Protein backbone atom coordinates (compact mmCIF):
# COMPACT_ATOMS: atom_id res chain seq x y z
CA MET A 1 20.27 31.54 -60.13
CA ALA A 2 23.79 32.78 -60.58
CA ASP A 3 25.83 30.88 -62.88
CA ARG A 4 29.05 29.17 -61.58
CA ARG A 5 32.36 30.19 -62.87
CA GLY A 6 33.02 28.62 -66.26
CA GLY A 7 29.29 27.53 -66.38
CA THR A 8 30.22 24.36 -64.21
CA PRO A 9 26.81 22.70 -63.21
CA THR A 10 25.36 22.36 -59.80
CA PRO A 11 26.55 18.82 -58.46
CA PRO A 12 23.52 16.51 -58.24
CA THR A 13 22.45 15.35 -54.91
CA ASP A 14 21.51 11.84 -53.63
CA SER A 15 19.53 12.59 -50.43
CA GLU A 16 17.34 15.36 -48.80
CA VAL A 17 16.99 16.98 -45.25
CA VAL A 18 13.82 19.00 -45.59
CA ASN A 19 12.19 21.43 -42.93
CA GLU A 20 14.10 20.14 -39.91
CA ARG A 21 15.53 22.09 -36.84
CA TRP A 22 19.09 21.19 -36.16
CA ASP A 23 19.81 24.42 -34.37
CA GLY A 24 22.46 24.27 -31.72
CA GLU A 25 23.61 20.76 -32.73
CA ASP A 26 27.32 19.71 -32.73
CA LEU A 27 28.28 18.37 -36.00
CA SER A 28 31.95 17.81 -35.37
CA GLY A 29 33.60 15.04 -37.28
CA ARG A 30 30.60 14.21 -39.36
CA THR A 31 30.42 13.66 -43.14
CA PHE A 32 27.58 14.62 -45.53
CA THR A 33 28.09 13.78 -49.19
CA ARG A 34 25.56 15.12 -52.06
CA VAL A 35 22.87 15.85 -49.34
CA ALA A 36 20.34 18.72 -50.12
CA PHE A 37 19.39 20.69 -47.14
CA VAL A 38 16.06 22.52 -47.75
CA ASP A 39 14.70 25.12 -45.28
CA VAL A 40 16.77 23.64 -42.45
CA ASP A 41 17.34 25.56 -39.27
CA LEU A 42 21.13 25.37 -38.72
CA THR A 43 21.21 28.34 -36.37
CA GLU A 44 24.17 28.30 -33.78
CA VAL A 45 25.32 24.83 -35.15
CA THR A 46 28.87 24.07 -34.19
CA ALA A 47 31.40 21.95 -36.03
CA ALA A 48 35.16 21.06 -35.88
CA GLY A 49 36.45 18.81 -38.64
CA ALA A 50 32.99 18.27 -40.38
CA THR A 51 32.97 17.59 -44.23
CA PHE A 52 30.17 18.54 -46.61
CA ASP A 53 30.99 17.45 -50.10
CA GLY A 54 28.67 18.39 -53.10
CA CYS A 55 25.99 19.43 -50.72
CA THR A 56 23.26 22.05 -51.37
CA PHE A 57 21.62 24.40 -48.82
CA ARG A 58 18.55 26.28 -50.01
CA ASP A 59 16.64 28.65 -47.74
CA CYS A 60 18.66 27.60 -44.68
CA ASP A 61 19.46 29.54 -41.72
CA LEU A 62 23.15 29.26 -40.78
CA ASN A 63 23.07 32.15 -38.37
CA ALA A 64 25.61 32.44 -35.52
CA THR A 65 27.22 29.05 -36.70
CA ARG A 66 30.78 28.23 -35.75
CA PHE A 67 32.58 26.06 -38.22
CA THR A 68 36.25 25.10 -37.52
CA ASP A 69 38.61 23.24 -39.81
CA SER A 70 35.71 22.03 -41.75
CA GLY A 71 35.14 21.39 -45.50
CA PHE A 72 32.39 22.56 -47.79
CA LEU A 73 33.75 21.34 -51.11
CA ASN A 74 31.87 22.29 -54.31
CA CYS A 75 28.75 23.02 -52.28
CA THR A 76 26.01 25.45 -53.27
CA PHE A 77 24.12 27.93 -50.99
CA THR A 78 21.07 29.60 -52.23
CA LYS A 79 18.96 32.17 -50.33
CA SER A 80 20.49 31.15 -47.06
CA SER A 81 21.50 33.43 -44.14
CA PHE A 82 24.80 33.72 -42.32
CA PHE A 83 24.30 36.51 -39.85
CA GLY A 84 26.87 36.28 -37.20
CA ALA A 85 28.48 33.17 -38.79
CA ARG A 86 32.26 32.38 -38.30
CA PHE A 87 34.40 30.14 -40.43
CA GLU A 88 37.83 29.57 -39.25
CA GLY A 89 40.33 27.37 -41.06
CA CYS A 90 37.65 26.13 -43.34
CA LYS A 91 38.11 24.84 -47.01
CA LEU A 92 35.13 26.01 -49.40
CA VAL A 93 36.85 25.45 -52.59
CA GLY A 94 34.51 25.59 -55.60
CA SER A 95 31.56 26.40 -53.51
CA MET A 96 28.85 28.88 -54.81
CA PHE A 97 26.67 31.61 -52.82
CA ASP A 98 23.62 32.59 -54.62
CA ARG A 99 21.28 35.47 -53.14
CA CYS A 100 22.54 34.72 -49.70
CA ARG A 101 22.41 37.15 -46.71
CA PHE A 102 25.39 38.04 -44.72
CA GLY A 103 25.80 40.29 -41.55
CA SER A 104 28.67 40.36 -39.03
CA PHE A 105 29.97 37.49 -41.10
CA GLU A 106 33.61 36.53 -40.45
CA VAL A 107 36.08 34.32 -41.93
CA VAL A 108 39.54 33.59 -40.56
CA GLY A 109 42.05 31.52 -42.54
CA GLY A 110 41.19 28.70 -44.90
CA SER A 111 40.91 28.33 -48.58
CA TRP A 112 37.94 29.94 -50.45
CA HIS A 113 39.67 29.30 -53.77
CA LEU A 114 37.42 29.49 -56.81
CA VAL A 115 34.39 30.31 -54.55
CA GLY A 116 31.53 32.09 -56.35
CA LEU A 117 30.22 35.15 -54.48
CA PRO A 118 28.76 37.22 -57.49
CA GLY A 119 26.68 40.29 -56.43
CA ALA A 120 27.04 39.32 -52.73
CA ASP A 121 26.32 41.96 -50.08
CA LEU A 122 29.41 41.71 -47.87
CA ARG A 123 29.29 45.11 -46.35
CA ARG A 124 31.12 45.21 -43.14
CA THR A 125 32.09 41.59 -43.13
CA VAL A 126 35.58 40.33 -42.05
CA PHE A 127 38.19 38.29 -44.01
CA ARG A 128 41.36 37.70 -42.44
CA ARG A 129 44.20 35.53 -44.14
CA VAL A 130 41.97 33.86 -46.47
CA ASP A 131 42.86 32.41 -49.81
CA LEU A 132 40.26 33.96 -52.34
CA ARG A 133 42.38 33.30 -55.36
CA GLU A 134 40.45 33.25 -58.51
CA ALA A 135 37.20 33.77 -56.65
CA ASP A 136 34.17 35.11 -58.56
CA LEU A 137 33.54 38.48 -56.72
CA THR A 138 31.77 40.18 -59.85
CA GLY A 139 29.49 42.90 -58.48
CA ALA A 140 30.27 42.10 -54.80
CA ARG A 141 29.71 45.02 -52.33
CA PHE A 142 32.68 45.02 -49.80
CA ASN A 143 31.82 48.58 -48.54
CA ASP A 144 33.40 49.07 -45.09
CA ALA A 145 34.60 45.42 -44.93
CA THR A 146 37.82 44.26 -43.57
CA LEU A 147 39.93 42.29 -45.86
CA HIS A 148 43.33 41.71 -44.01
CA HIS A 149 46.07 39.67 -45.70
CA VAL A 150 43.65 38.18 -48.17
CA ASP A 151 44.98 36.69 -51.30
CA LEU A 152 42.81 38.22 -54.22
CA ALA A 153 45.23 37.17 -57.04
CA GLY A 154 43.20 36.38 -60.12
CA ALA A 155 39.92 37.29 -58.58
CA TRP A 156 37.16 38.47 -60.80
CA LEU A 157 36.27 41.84 -59.58
CA HIS A 158 34.38 43.33 -62.21
CA GLN A 159 31.94 46.11 -60.82
CA ALA A 160 33.01 45.02 -57.18
CA ASP A 161 32.69 47.89 -54.70
CA LEU A 162 35.76 48.21 -52.39
CA SER A 163 34.82 51.70 -51.05
CA GLY A 164 35.83 52.07 -47.50
CA ALA A 165 37.28 48.63 -47.27
CA ASP A 166 40.30 48.00 -45.23
CA LEU A 167 42.44 46.13 -47.67
CA ARG A 168 45.84 46.16 -45.75
CA GLY A 169 48.19 43.30 -46.38
CA SER A 170 46.16 41.88 -49.11
CA ASP A 171 47.24 41.01 -52.62
CA LEU A 172 45.69 43.58 -54.88
CA SER A 173 47.15 42.52 -58.24
CA ALA A 174 43.71 41.99 -59.61
CA VAL A 175 42.52 45.35 -58.64
CA ASP A 176 42.40 47.95 -61.29
CA PRO A 177 42.48 51.55 -59.50
CA VAL A 178 40.63 53.06 -62.30
CA ALA A 179 37.81 50.53 -63.00
CA HIS A 180 37.03 49.50 -59.40
CA GLN A 181 35.42 51.75 -56.67
CA LEU A 182 38.04 52.27 -53.91
CA ARG A 183 36.98 55.50 -52.61
CA LYS A 184 38.07 55.78 -48.97
CA ALA A 185 39.64 52.43 -48.89
CA VAL A 186 42.45 51.82 -46.51
CA VAL A 187 45.77 50.48 -47.97
CA ASP A 188 49.34 50.11 -46.53
CA LEU A 189 52.25 51.77 -47.94
CA GLU A 190 53.49 48.99 -50.18
CA GLN A 191 49.99 48.66 -51.73
CA ALA A 192 49.71 52.34 -52.37
CA VAL A 193 52.84 52.25 -54.35
CA ALA A 194 51.61 49.29 -56.45
CA LEU A 195 48.45 51.09 -57.09
CA VAL A 196 50.19 54.15 -58.01
CA ARG A 197 52.19 52.26 -60.57
CA ALA A 198 49.17 50.50 -61.74
CA LEU A 199 48.08 54.12 -62.97
CA GLY A 200 51.18 54.38 -65.05
CA LEU A 201 52.95 56.66 -62.66
CA LYS A 202 56.68 56.32 -61.63
CA VAL A 203 57.40 56.26 -57.87
CA GLU A 204 60.95 57.77 -57.13
CA GLU A 205 62.74 59.17 -54.16
CA ASP A 206 62.30 62.95 -53.37
CA ALA A 207 64.17 65.25 -55.91
CA PRO A 208 67.30 66.80 -54.48
CA LEU A 209 67.12 70.39 -53.30
CA ASP A 210 68.73 72.87 -55.34
CA PRO A 211 72.09 74.01 -54.04
């Protein structure tokens, strides 16, 4: 199991939901505190304003789920799948993803501050207007992903692969253009200037033509 940032232990749970089928259910407005979900089918679950506090999800299917304005606070997801899942305006502060599977995964808005996604395969996923400050993205693969207006300030990006990613509008202050893989990544003009300056180059206006 991947370690949480700072060695913080996984929160203990008080109850279990094991090997149940909740597929297609509407969990809107419900609250779950320190519940362990084990081998639970949550496919196509929808939820608006739901709260999961200190919960764990192990070997769960969250494929094609739709969560809106919901909270997963300090939760742990282990060997779970998120194919086609969408999180909109959700708060996942301090949550951890370990050996999870993502595909056509989309996050719009919300706070993923301090989230742990070390080694995650996030190729072709979409993150728009998401707070990923201080997230652990060590070794994460963002090849051909879309990260528009994402706050990556203070994120751990050691060995992360951003090749081909569309990074326009995102805070790239934590990105080292020498150490990180950025081949064919798409950036806007302001980001390009910042990356060039990070290489130690000076950006000036065109030199005047000789008279």
